[in-house]
Every structure is written in structure tokens, then in C-alpha cells.
Amino acid sequence: MKYALITGASTGLGKDFAHSLAKLGYTPILVARNADRLKSLAAEIKQKYGLDGIVIAEDLSVPNAAEKIYKSVKKLKVQVSCLVNNAGYGLNGEFHKNSFSEESKMIQLNVTTLAELCHLFLQDMVTNKEGYILNVASTAAFQPGPLMTNYYATKAYVLSLSEGLAEEVREYGVTVSCLCPGPTKTEFFERAKMSDSKLVKSSILAMNSQDVVDIGLKALFGKKVVKIPGFLNFVLAESIRVTPRAMIRKIAKYLNKVG
């Protein structure tokens, strides 16, 4: 039996990843804070695909969460052959005015927990000489982002880590991919308190969550290292290479401004 562990599985992309991987025959290990939502999702998957999803309720924004998750999986005596590091959130506002406690939690979730989960599960995958890891970053990974400065920085880390790991473990039969979506129709912007930002209000780039998931999984199982869903998102991300950095910063600040 194949198992796929999905973080941030209770809503949005994570929920769609769980359904899509179950459809492909992977028994999902569902990880997020909200146990009730996870149990409801597990029931949906059981009814639709006949698979007994596993629920692990953990807050990934606190230290040692990754180790707790790994130990929980080990106690179940199952092997994770696909890891989707989807959990993450953004925080809008000027860095010096935001609560550093919240900024720190974001680093813990978007960076530290993700990296530790990669580190722990890669050891098993390398030993077994097979496995897939999909790290969800963002088109934000390709540029600085005033008014979401720390979030953009965390996603740059995810992209760089993923590309490096992809080369390290390729020879062991393990695939690491990084999915870099642009604006996506999920709860992300509401949680980041930027529903009224120009990026959200004026965006013609927003994609459906399921479409992003389908593209991401196709890239992962096709062993593509970096995938940017959507032609316009790809063009904009790649154009950053030739656009003056000062202009990029000003545009990002304009789009991230709320009100």
C-alpha cells in the first residue's frame, strides 16, 4: 500500500491534493491543526475511494512539530512514499509593525518545519531508493515583496532548498519538485488579511485550486524540478530575470498594498 503525507490538508490546495492522491491510489496521511476538518476529509476519502485516511492533528507552526509527525508515522509502521509540503501562510503589512511572534511562526511553518520534514522523510526514501517530495512555494519565490517581505523570503528559501535537494537525491531514485503557483482561489488571502489588496482585486491570474494541484502532481510524477502553473504566471516570473530590481520592488509593493 502506498502512503502520501499532505500538510495543510484541511483546506484549499491541501484538501485537493489529498483527493487527487487518493484517486491515484495513495492512502493519505492528513496533517493540519483542525482535527475535525481532517476527520471530515478522511470520511469523504473513505466514501469516495475506499481508503482509510490517517489523521494527524498538529500545529506545524511550533517547534518540533515535524519530529512529532514523523514519530507518529513510524508508530503506525507505514512508509511515506510521497510527501507534499503544502502548509504555509502569509502575513501582510510592514515588517517592523507586524507582531514578530507571528512573523516567527510563519518562518517556523513555511521554512523550518518544511525543511525538517524533508530531512526526516528523505532518509527513509533514500534508503528505499524511491519516493517523491513536492514542496509548495509560490511565484513570490522569484522576487522581493514589500508589505509581505518575510513571506516572499520564506518562499525563496523553499524554492532554493527544493532545487538543491532535487540534485542531491536524484541518484538515489528520489524526486523533489517545487510547485510555484501564482494567486490561487483558496483561503490564503483572507488569512493574510489582504482580500482588499490590489493583487487580489485586480488579478486576472487567479487559478482554481484543483487545476494547480493537477499541474503540480503531473510535474512531480514527471520528475520536473520547478513548475509554475499558468502561462501568464510563468511569463511574469521569468520576466523578473530581465526587469530592474528597483522596478520589481515598487510593483510588488503596489500590488500588496491593502485598501
C-alpha atoms as a PDB file:
ATOM      1  CA  MET A   1       0.000   0.000   0.000  1.00  0.00           C
ATOM      2  CA  LYS A   2       1.240   3.473  -0.937  1.00  0.00           C
ATOM      3  CA  TYR A   3       1.018   6.371   1.532  1.00  0.00           C
ATOM      4  CA  ALA A   4       1.132  10.106   0.856  1.00  0.00           C
ATOM      5  CA  LEU A   5       1.544  12.640   3.656  1.00  0.00           C
ATOM      6  CA  ILE A   6      -0.032  16.027   2.982  1.00  0.00           C
ATOM      7  CA  THR A   7       0.453  19.009   5.280  1.00  0.00           C
ATOM      8  CA  GLY A   8      -2.129  21.763   5.436  1.00  0.00           C
ATOM      9  CA  ALA A   9      -4.630  19.144   4.303  1.00  0.00           C
ATOM     10  CA  SER A  10      -7.746  20.613   5.882  1.00  0.00           C
ATOM     11  CA  THR A  11      -8.476  23.288   3.257  1.00  0.00           C
ATOM     12  CA  GLY A  12      -7.608  24.652  -0.177  1.00  0.00           C
ATOM     13  CA  LEU A  13      -4.734  23.092  -2.078  1.00  0.00           C
ATOM     14  CA  GLY A  14      -4.077  20.570   0.686  1.00  0.00           C
ATOM     15  CA  LYS A  15      -7.584  19.177   0.546  1.00  0.00           C
ATOM     16  CA  ASP A  16      -7.412  18.887  -3.236  1.00  0.00           C
ATOM     17  CA  PHE A  17      -4.003  17.218  -3.019  1.00  0.00           C
ATOM     18  CA  ALA A  18      -5.489  14.646  -0.645  1.00  0.00           C
ATOM     19  CA  HIS A  19      -8.358  13.831  -3.012  1.00  0.00           C
ATOM     20  CA  SER A  20      -6.135  13.723  -6.096  1.00  0.00           C
ATOM     21  CA  LEU A  21      -3.542  11.462  -4.488  1.00  0.00           C
ATOM     22  CA  ALA A  22      -6.267   9.163  -3.149  1.00  0.00           C
ATOM     23  CA  LYS A  23      -7.627   8.940  -6.678  1.00  0.00           C
ATOM     24  CA  LEU A  24      -4.148   7.797  -7.746  1.00  0.00           C
ATOM     25  CA  GLY A  25      -4.213   5.056  -5.094  1.00  0.00           C
ATOM     26  CA  TYR A  26      -2.262   6.739  -2.301  1.00  0.00           C
ATOM     27  CA  THR A  27      -3.674   6.355   1.192  1.00  0.00           C
ATOM     28  CA  PRO A  28      -3.480   9.916   2.538  1.00  0.00           C
ATOM     29  CA  ILE A  29      -1.931  10.880   5.848  1.00  0.00           C
ATOM     30  CA  LEU A  30      -3.701  14.147   6.591  1.00  0.00           C
ATOM     31  CA  VAL A  31      -1.861  16.737   8.664  1.00  0.00           C
ATOM     32  CA  ALA A  32      -3.137  20.109   9.918  1.00  0.00           C
ATOM     33  CA  ARG A  33      -4.272  21.785  13.142  1.00  0.00           C
ATOM     34  CA  ASN A  34      -8.007  21.272  12.772  1.00  0.00           C
ATOM     35  CA  ALA A  35      -8.783  17.685  13.734  1.00  0.00           C
ATOM     36  CA  ASP A  36     -12.497  17.965  12.933  1.00  0.00           C
ATOM     37  CA  ARG A  37     -11.837  19.137   9.389  1.00  0.00           C
ATOM     38  CA  LEU A  38      -9.294  16.364   8.881  1.00  0.00           C
ATOM     39  CA  LYS A  39     -11.718  13.719  10.140  1.00  0.00           C
ATOM     40  CA  SER A  40     -14.391  15.039   7.803  1.00  0.00           C
ATOM     41  CA  LEU A  41     -11.948  14.879   4.891  1.00  0.00           C
ATOM     42  CA  ALA A  42     -10.908  11.349   5.845  1.00  0.00           C
ATOM     43  CA  ALA A  43     -14.574  10.323   5.801  1.00  0.00           C
ATOM     44  CA  GLU A  44     -15.008  11.850   2.326  1.00  0.00           C
ATOM     45  CA  ILE A  45     -11.981   9.945   1.043  1.00  0.00           C
ATOM     46  CA  LYS A  46     -13.178   6.696   2.602  1.00  0.00           C
ATOM     47  CA  GLN A  47     -16.584   7.061   0.968  1.00  0.00           C
ATOM     48  CA  LYS A  48     -15.232   8.084  -2.427  1.00  0.00           C
ATOM     49  CA  TYR A  49     -12.099   5.958  -2.792  1.00  0.00           C
ATOM     50  CA  GLY A  50     -12.408   3.259  -0.143  1.00  0.00           C
ATOM     51  CA  LEU A  51      -9.155   4.288   1.530  1.00  0.00           C
ATOM     52  CA  ASP A  52      -8.741   4.701   5.284  1.00  0.00           C
ATOM     53  CA  GLY A  53      -7.036   8.073   5.542  1.00  0.00           C
ATOM     54  CA  ILE A  54      -4.892   8.715   8.607  1.00  0.00           C
ATOM     55  CA  VAL A  55      -5.426  11.884  10.639  1.00  0.00           C
ATOM     56  CA  ILE A  56      -2.564  13.609  12.475  1.00  0.00           C
ATOM     57  CA  ALA A  57      -3.635  16.854  14.131  1.00  0.00           C
ATOM     58  CA  GLU A  58      -0.556  19.014  14.732  1.00  0.00           C
ATOM     59  CA  ASP A  59       0.237  22.710  14.689  1.00  0.00           C
ATOM     60  CA  LEU A  60       3.136  22.934  12.246  1.00  0.00           C
ATOM     61  CA  SER A  61       3.962  26.498  13.279  1.00  0.00           C
ATOM     62  CA  VAL A  62       5.503  25.357  16.580  1.00  0.00           C
ATOM     63  CA  PRO A  63       8.980  23.854  17.081  1.00  0.00           C
ATOM     64  CA  ASN A  64       9.368  20.056  16.965  1.00  0.00           C
ATOM     65  CA  ALA A  65       6.095  19.553  15.066  1.00  0.00           C
ATOM     66  CA  ALA A  66       7.911  17.767  12.233  1.00  0.00           C
ATOM     67  CA  GLU A  67       9.553  15.305  14.607  1.00  0.00           C
ATOM     68  CA  LYS A  68       6.195  14.570  16.268  1.00  0.00           C
ATOM     69  CA  ILE A  69       4.627  13.873  12.882  1.00  0.00           C
ATOM     70  CA  TYR A  70       7.495  11.624  11.842  1.00  0.00           C
ATOM     71  CA  LYS A  71       7.311   9.651  15.083  1.00  0.00           C
ATOM     72  CA  SER A  72       3.549   9.272  14.686  1.00  0.00           C
ATOM     73  CA  VAL A  73       4.065   7.815  11.217  1.00  0.00           C
ATOM     74  CA  LYS A  74       6.745   5.455  12.490  1.00  0.00           C
ATOM     75  CA  LYS A  75       4.412   4.165  15.216  1.00  0.00           C
ATOM     76  CA  LEU A  76       1.891   3.301  12.521  1.00  0.00           C
ATOM     77  CA  LYS A  77       4.599   1.255  10.761  1.00  0.00           C
ATOM     78  CA  VAL A  78       3.870   2.725   7.338  1.00  0.00           C
ATOM     79  CA  GLN A  79       6.237   4.087   4.706  1.00  0.00           C
ATOM     80  CA  VAL A  80       5.575   7.507   3.222  1.00  0.00           C
ATOM     81  CA  SER A  81       6.378   7.325  -0.470  1.00  0.00           C
ATOM     82  CA  CYS A  82       5.009  10.780  -1.305  1.00  0.00           C
ATOM     83  CA  LEU A  83       5.356  13.901   0.845  1.00  0.00           C
ATOM     84  CA  VAL A  84       3.510  17.096  -0.061  1.00  0.00           C
ATOM     85  CA  ASN A  85       4.716  20.064   1.974  1.00  0.00           C
ATOM     86  CA  ASN A  86       1.739  22.295   1.324  1.00  0.00           C
ATOM     87  CA  ALA A  87       1.156  24.002   4.689  1.00  0.00           C
ATOM     88  CA  GLY A  88       2.030  27.675   4.814  1.00  0.00           C
ATOM     89  CA  TYR A  89       0.608  31.134   5.262  1.00  0.00           C
ATOM     90  CA  GLY A  90       1.356  34.768   4.521  1.00  0.00           C
ATOM     91  CA  LEU A  91       1.261  37.936   6.579  1.00  0.00           C
ATOM     92  CA  ASN A  92       0.527  41.339   5.099  1.00  0.00           C
ATOM     93  CA  GLY A  93       1.850  44.630   6.474  1.00  0.00           C
ATOM     94  CA  GLU A  94       5.083  46.441   7.207  1.00  0.00           C
ATOM     95  CA  PHE A  95       7.553  44.062   8.810  1.00  0.00           C
ATOM     96  CA  HIS A  96       8.514  46.346  11.688  1.00  0.00           C
ATOM     97  CA  LYS A  97       4.858  46.964  12.567  1.00  0.00           C
ATOM     98  CA  ASN A  98       3.773  43.324  12.496  1.00  0.00           C
ATOM     99  CA  SER A  99       3.984  41.108  15.556  1.00  0.00           C
ATOM    100  CA  PHE A 100       7.341  39.348  15.399  1.00  0.00           C
ATOM    101  CA  SER A 101       5.719  36.394  17.122  1.00  0.00           C
ATOM    102  CA  GLU A 102       3.507  35.976  14.052  1.00  0.00           C
ATOM    103  CA  GLU A 103       6.413  36.556  11.670  1.00  0.00           C
ATOM    104  CA  SER A 104       8.418  33.938  13.562  1.00  0.00           C
ATOM    105  CA  LYS A 105       5.575  31.415  13.405  1.00  0.00           C
ATOM    106  CA  MET A 106       5.463  31.929   9.658  1.00  0.00           C
ATOM    107  CA  ILE A 107       9.173  31.165   9.361  1.00  0.00           C
ATOM    108  CA  GLN A 108       8.696  28.074  11.521  1.00  0.00           C
ATOM    109  CA  LEU A 109       5.835  26.821   9.346  1.00  0.00           C
ATOM    110  CA  ASN A 110       6.972  27.881   5.873  1.00  0.00           C
ATOM    111  CA  VAL A 111      10.669  27.132   6.344  1.00  0.00           C
ATOM    112  CA  THR A 112      11.779  25.179   9.409  1.00  0.00           C
ATOM    113  CA  THR A 113       9.016  22.582   9.616  1.00  0.00           C
ATOM    114  CA  LEU A 114       9.093  22.053   5.860  1.00  0.00           C
ATOM    115  CA  ALA A 115      12.871  21.581   5.866  1.00  0.00           C
ATOM    116  CA  GLU A 116      12.740  19.196   8.828  1.00  0.00           C
ATOM    117  CA  LEU A 117      10.023  17.077   7.226  1.00  0.00           C
ATOM    118  CA  CYS A 118      12.176  16.848   4.090  1.00  0.00           C
ATOM    119  CA  HIS A 119      15.193  15.885   6.189  1.00  0.00           C
ATOM    120  CA  LEU A 120      13.366  13.172   8.136  1.00  0.00           C
ATOM    121  CA  PHE A 121      11.423  11.526   5.325  1.00  0.00           C
ATOM    122  CA  LEU A 122      14.257  11.793   2.796  1.00  0.00           C
ATOM    123  CA  GLN A 123      16.316   9.457   4.953  1.00  0.00           C
ATOM    124  CA  ASP A 124      13.727   6.708   4.509  1.00  0.00           C
ATOM    125  CA  MET A 125      13.206   7.465   0.826  1.00  0.00           C
ATOM    126  CA  VAL A 126      16.928   7.337   0.101  1.00  0.00           C
ATOM    127  CA  THR A 127      17.209   4.019   1.966  1.00  0.00           C
ATOM    128  CA  ASN A 128      14.289   2.630  -0.052  1.00  0.00           C
ATOM    129  CA  LYS A 129      15.636   4.200  -3.247  1.00  0.00           C
ATOM    130  CA  GLU A 130      12.252   5.635  -4.140  1.00  0.00           C
ATOM    131  CA  GLY A 131       9.990   8.494  -3.156  1.00  0.00           C
ATOM    132  CA  TYR A 132       8.520  11.822  -4.153  1.00  0.00           C
ATOM    133  CA  ILE A 133       8.536  15.184  -2.378  1.00  0.00           C
ATOM    134  CA  LEU A 134       6.550  18.166  -3.593  1.00  0.00           C
ATOM    135  CA  ASN A 135       7.269  21.463  -1.841  1.00  0.00           C
ATOM    136  CA  VAL A 136       4.716  24.204  -2.446  1.00  0.00           C
ATOM    137  CA  ALA A 137       6.361  27.614  -2.840  1.00  0.00           C
ATOM    138  CA  SER A 138       4.909  30.499  -4.880  1.00  0.00           C
ATOM    139  CA  THR A 139       5.746  32.848  -7.720  1.00  0.00           C
ATOM    140  CA  ALA A 140       6.701  35.070  -4.763  1.00  0.00           C
ATOM    141  CA  ALA A 141       9.845  32.934  -4.548  1.00  0.00           C
ATOM    142  CA  PHE A 142      11.302  34.702  -7.581  1.00  0.00           C
ATOM    143  CA  GLN A 143      11.224  38.268  -6.251  1.00  0.00           C
ATOM    144  CA  PRO A 144      11.210  40.541  -3.192  1.00  0.00           C
ATOM    145  CA  GLY A 145       7.771  41.502  -1.886  1.00  0.00           C
ATOM    146  CA  PRO A 146       7.411  44.669   0.181  1.00  0.00           C
ATOM    147  CA  LEU A 147       4.429  44.530   2.567  1.00  0.00           C
ATOM    148  CA  MET A 148       4.783  40.742   2.563  1.00  0.00           C
ATOM    149  CA  THR A 149       8.554  40.809   2.860  1.00  0.00           C
ATOM    150  CA  ASN A 150       9.010  37.846   5.172  1.00  0.00           C
ATOM    151  CA  TYR A 151       6.540  35.645   3.269  1.00  0.00           C
ATOM    152  CA  TYR A 152       8.316  36.225  -0.028  1.00  0.00           C
ATOM    153  CA  ALA A 153      11.630  35.439   1.673  1.00  0.00           C
ATOM    154  CA  THR A 154      10.314  32.152   3.046  1.00  0.00           C
ATOM    155  CA  LYS A 155       9.151  31.067  -0.382  1.00  0.00           C
ATOM    156  CA  ALA A 156      12.535  31.930  -1.901  1.00  0.00           C
ATOM    157  CA  TYR A 157      14.031  29.558   0.655  1.00  0.00           C
ATOM    158  CA  VAL A 158      11.604  26.789  -0.306  1.00  0.00           C
ATOM    159  CA  LEU A 159      12.486  27.129  -3.980  1.00  0.00           C
ATOM    160  CA  SER A 160      16.230  27.134  -3.367  1.00  0.00           C
ATOM    161  CA  LEU A 161      16.059  24.197  -0.949  1.00  0.00           C
ATOM    162  CA  SER A 162      13.960  22.161  -3.359  1.00  0.00           C
ATOM    163  CA  GLU A 163      16.264  22.718  -6.317  1.00  0.00           C
ATOM    164  CA  GLY A 164      19.321  21.786  -4.282  1.00  0.00           C
ATOM    165  CA  LEU A 165      17.722  18.661  -2.836  1.00  0.00           C
ATOM    166  CA  ALA A 166      16.496  17.591  -6.268  1.00  0.00           C
ATOM    167  CA  GLU A 167      20.090  17.284  -7.468  1.00  0.00           C
ATOM    168  CA  GLU A 168      21.320  15.661  -4.258  1.00  0.00           C
ATOM    169  CA  VAL A 169      18.835  12.799  -4.189  1.00  0.00           C
ATOM    170  CA  ARG A 170      18.206  12.180  -7.876  1.00  0.00           C
ATOM    171  CA  GLU A 171      20.858   9.445  -7.945  1.00  0.00           C
ATOM    172  CA  TYR A 172      19.003   7.596  -5.183  1.00  0.00           C
ATOM    173  CA  GLY A 173      15.796   7.348  -7.169  1.00  0.00           C
ATOM    174  CA  VAL A 174      14.057  10.102  -5.200  1.00  0.00           C
ATOM    175  CA  THR A 175      12.297  13.057  -6.848  1.00  0.00           C
ATOM    176  CA  VAL A 176      11.997  16.523  -5.283  1.00  0.00           C
ATOM    177  CA  SER A 177       9.868  19.118  -7.060  1.00  0.00           C
ATOM    178  CA  CYS A 178       8.834  22.671  -6.259  1.00  0.00           C
ATOM    179  CA  LEU A 179       5.410  23.983  -7.224  1.00  0.00           C
ATOM    180  CA  CYS A 180       5.274  27.780  -7.573  1.00  0.00           C
ATOM    181  CA  PRO A 181       1.665  28.885  -8.064  1.00  0.00           C
ATOM    182  CA  GLY A 182       0.544  32.455  -8.551  1.00  0.00           C
ATOM    183  CA  PRO A 183      -2.696  33.747  -6.996  1.00  0.00           C
ATOM    184  CA  THR A 184      -4.989  30.807  -6.298  1.00  0.00           C
ATOM    185  CA  LYS A 185      -8.637  30.708  -5.208  1.00  0.00           C
ATOM    186  CA  THR A 186      -8.197  29.480  -1.627  1.00  0.00           C
ATOM    187  CA  GLU A 187      -8.466  30.942   1.891  1.00  0.00           C
ATOM    188  CA  PHE A 188      -4.856  32.184   1.690  1.00  0.00           C
ATOM    189  CA  PHE A 189      -5.544  35.862   1.009  1.00  0.00           C
ATOM    190  CA  GLU A 190      -8.265  36.064   3.644  1.00  0.00           C
ATOM    191  CA  ARG A 191      -5.934  34.642   6.280  1.00  0.00           C
ATOM    192  CA  ALA A 192      -3.165  37.000   5.168  1.00  0.00           C
ATOM    193  CA  LYS A 193      -5.598  39.901   5.642  1.00  0.00           C
ATOM    194  CA  MET A 194      -5.189  41.087   2.083  1.00  0.00           C
ATOM    195  CA  SER A 195      -8.548  40.374   0.479  1.00  0.00           C
ATOM    196  CA  ASP A 196      -8.717  44.106  -0.307  1.00  0.00           C
ATOM    197  CA  SER A 197      -5.248  44.285  -1.837  1.00  0.00           C
ATOM    198  CA  LYS A 198      -4.766  45.373  -5.430  1.00  0.00           C
ATOM    199  CA  LEU A 199      -3.213  41.972  -6.153  1.00  0.00           C
ATOM    200  CA  VAL A 200      -6.467  40.223  -5.262  1.00  0.00           C
ATOM    201  CA  LYS A 201      -8.878  42.804  -6.642  1.00  0.00           C
ATOM    202  CA  SER A 202      -7.187  43.247  -9.994  1.00  0.00           C
ATOM    203  CA  SER A 203      -5.693  39.822 -10.549  1.00  0.00           C
ATOM    204  CA  ILE A 204      -6.525  38.079 -13.802  1.00  0.00           C
ATOM    205  CA  LEU A 205      -4.082  35.348 -12.890  1.00  0.00           C
ATOM    206  CA  ALA A 206      -6.064  33.629 -10.123  1.00  0.00           C
ATOM    207  CA  MET A 207      -6.366  29.896 -10.801  1.00  0.00           C
ATOM    208  CA  ASN A 208      -8.639  27.233  -9.386  1.00  0.00           C
ATOM    209  CA  SER A 209      -7.092  25.141  -6.643  1.00  0.00           C
ATOM    210  CA  GLN A 210      -7.776  21.829  -8.388  1.00  0.00           C
ATOM    211  CA  ASP A 211      -6.086  22.997 -11.592  1.00  0.00           C
ATOM    212  CA  VAL A 212      -2.975  23.974  -9.620  1.00  0.00           C
ATOM    213  CA  VAL A 213      -2.944  20.592  -7.884  1.00  0.00           C
ATOM    214  CA  ASP A 214      -3.309  18.680 -11.151  1.00  0.00           C
ATOM    215  CA  ILE A 215      -0.426  20.612 -12.689  1.00  0.00           C
ATOM    216  CA  GLY A 216       1.707  20.117  -9.581  1.00  0.00           C
ATOM    217  CA  LEU A 217       1.231  16.365  -9.410  1.00  0.00           C
ATOM    218  CA  LYS A 218       1.857  15.968 -13.131  1.00  0.00           C
ATOM    219  CA  ALA A 219       5.132  17.846 -12.697  1.00  0.00           C
ATOM    220  CA  LEU A 220       6.084  15.802  -9.629  1.00  0.00           C
ATOM    221  CA  PHE A 221       5.491  12.395 -11.177  1.00  0.00           C
ATOM    222  CA  GLY A 222       7.039  13.648 -14.399  1.00  0.00           C
ATOM    223  CA  LYS A 223      10.153  14.469 -12.331  1.00  0.00           C
ATOM    224  CA  LYS A 224      10.142  18.160 -13.198  1.00  0.00           C
ATOM    225  CA  VAL A 225      12.090  20.162 -10.607  1.00  0.00           C
ATOM    226  CA  VAL A 226      10.296  23.533 -10.813  1.00  0.00           C
ATOM    227  CA  LYS A 227       6.775  24.134 -12.081  1.00  0.00           C
ATOM    228  CA  ILE A 228       4.925  27.453 -12.375  1.00  0.00           C
ATOM    229  CA  PRO A 229       1.234  26.819 -13.154  1.00  0.00           C
ATOM    230  CA  GLY A 230      -0.336  29.070 -15.763  1.00  0.00           C
ATOM    231  CA  PHE A 231       1.291  30.602 -18.833  1.00  0.00           C
ATOM    232  CA  LEU A 232       0.958  34.202 -17.632  1.00  0.00           C
ATOM    233  CA  ASN A 233       2.356  33.317 -14.203  1.00  0.00           C
ATOM    234  CA  PHE A 234       5.309  31.643 -15.920  1.00  0.00           C
ATOM    235  CA  VAL A 235       5.961  34.654 -18.158  1.00  0.00           C
ATOM    236  CA  LEU A 236       5.775  37.108 -15.258  1.00  0.00           C
ATOM    237  CA  ALA A 237       8.052  35.013 -13.053  1.00  0.00           C
ATOM    238  CA  GLU A 238      10.614  34.588 -15.806  1.00  0.00           C
ATOM    239  CA  SER A 239      10.468  38.287 -16.754  1.00  0.00           C
ATOM    240  CA  ILE A 240      11.899  39.120 -13.343  1.00  0.00           C
ATOM    241  CA  ARG A 241      15.273  37.959 -14.643  1.00  0.00           C
ATOM    242  CA  VAL A 242      15.473  40.936 -17.002  1.00  0.00           C
ATOM    243  CA  THR A 243      13.445  43.547 -15.112  1.00  0.00           C
ATOM    244  CA  PRO A 244      15.312  46.083 -12.935  1.00  0.00           C
ATOM    245  CA  ARG A 245      15.080  45.050  -9.276  1.00  0.00           C
ATOM    246  CA  ALA A 246      14.003  48.535  -8.201  1.00  0.00           C
ATOM    247  CA  MET A 247      11.001  48.329 -10.510  1.00  0.00           C
ATOM    248  CA  ILE A 248      10.099  44.857  -9.251  1.00  0.00           C
ATOM    249  CA  ARG A 249      10.088  46.055  -5.650  1.00  0.00           C
ATOM    250  CA  LYS A 250       7.843  49.016  -6.432  1.00  0.00           C
ATOM    251  CA  ILE A 251       5.357  46.914  -8.406  1.00  0.00           C
ATOM    252  CA  ALA A 252       5.189  44.266  -5.677  1.00  0.00           C
ATOM    253  CA  LYS A 253       4.607  46.923  -3.018  1.00  0.00           C
ATOM    254  CA  TYR A 254       1.799  48.460  -5.077  1.00  0.00           C
ATOM    255  CA  LEU A 255       0.073  45.110  -5.571  1.00  0.00           C
ATOM    256  CA  ASN A 256       0.441  44.009  -1.939  1.00  0.00           C
ATOM    257  CA  LYS A 257      -0.973  47.240  -0.520  1.00  0.00           C
ATOM    258  CA  VAL A 258      -4.339  46.813   1.157  1.00  0.00           C
ATOM    259  CA  GLY A 259      -7.052  49.426   0.591  1.00  0.00           C
END
